[in-house]
Protein backbone atom coordinates (compact mmCIF):
# COMPACT_ATOMS: atom_id res chain seq x y z
CA MET A 1 19.32 2.10 4.76
CA GLN A 2 22.52 1.06 3.04
CA PRO A 3 23.26 2.34 -0.47
CA HIS A 4 22.89 -1.11 -2.01
CA GLN A 5 19.52 -1.50 -0.31
CA GLN A 6 18.36 1.87 -1.61
CA ARG A 7 19.32 0.78 -5.12
CA VAL A 8 16.99 -2.22 -4.77
CA VAL A 9 14.15 0.04 -3.56
CA ASP A 10 14.76 2.43 -6.45
CA GLU A 11 14.90 -0.45 -8.93
CA LYS A 12 11.55 -1.79 -7.69
CA GLN A 13 9.95 1.65 -7.99
CA GLU A 14 11.21 2.01 -11.55
CA LEU A 15 10.08 -1.50 -12.43
CA ASP A 16 6.62 -0.94 -10.96
CA ASP A 17 6.31 2.23 -13.04
CA LYS A 18 7.19 0.24 -16.16
CA ILE A 19 4.65 -2.43 -15.18
CA THR A 20 1.95 0.23 -14.86
CA LYS A 21 2.82 1.67 -18.26
CA LEU A 22 2.87 -1.75 -19.93
CA MET A 23 -0.51 -2.62 -18.40
CA ALA A 24 -1.93 0.63 -19.79
CA PHE A 25 -0.48 -0.18 -23.20
CA ILE A 26 -1.96 -3.69 -23.11
CA GLY A 27 -5.35 -2.14 -22.37
CA GLY A 28 -5.12 0.23 -25.33
CA ASP A 29 -6.01 0.17 -29.00
CA ILE A 30 -2.47 -0.14 -30.36
CA PHE A 31 -2.01 -3.41 -28.47
CA LYS A 32 -5.20 -4.78 -30.03
CA SER A 33 -3.81 -4.02 -33.48
CA LEU A 34 -0.63 -6.05 -32.91
CA GLU A 35 -0.18 -9.55 -34.24
CA HIS A 36 -1.32 -12.23 -31.83
CA ARG A 37 2.22 -13.49 -31.20
CA ASP A 38 3.40 -10.01 -30.25
CA GLN A 39 0.47 -9.72 -27.84
CA GLU A 40 1.47 -13.05 -26.30
CA LEU A 41 5.07 -11.95 -25.90
CA LEU A 42 4.08 -8.68 -24.23
CA GLY A 43 1.84 -10.60 -21.86
CA GLN A 44 4.71 -12.95 -21.08
CA GLN A 45 6.99 -9.97 -20.50
CA LEU A 46 4.47 -8.48 -18.08
CA GLY A 47 4.33 -11.74 -16.15
CA HIS A 48 8.10 -11.85 -15.81
CA MET A 49 8.20 -8.22 -14.74
CA ARG A 50 5.60 -8.91 -12.04
CA SER A 51 7.58 -11.91 -10.80
CA TYR A 52 10.73 -9.82 -10.65
CA SER A 53 8.90 -7.09 -8.76
CA GLU A 54 7.65 -9.64 -6.23
CA THR A 55 11.19 -10.95 -5.76
CA LEU A 56 12.42 -7.42 -5.13
CA SER A 57 9.60 -6.95 -2.59
CA LEU A 58 10.70 -10.07 -0.75
CA ARG A 59 14.27 -8.82 -0.68
CA ILE A 60 13.18 -5.40 0.59
CA GLU A 61 11.19 -7.02 3.41
CA ARG A 62 14.44 -8.54 4.66
CA PHE A 63 16.24 -5.19 4.99
C-alpha cells in the first residue's frame, strides 16, 4: 500500500472512532439536556461524518 493510501485508511479509522463516540454521546443524558437546535446540529454533523466515511470506504475499495 502506498503512503497516501495508508493515510486514507488511517483517516477512515480515526473518523469511524469519532462517529462511534458521537453516537454514544447522542445516546447519553448530556445530549438530552442540550437545546433542541444543538441536538439537530449534532445529528446533522453525524450524518455528514457517516457520508464522509462511506466516501473514504469507496476510495479504499479502489486501492
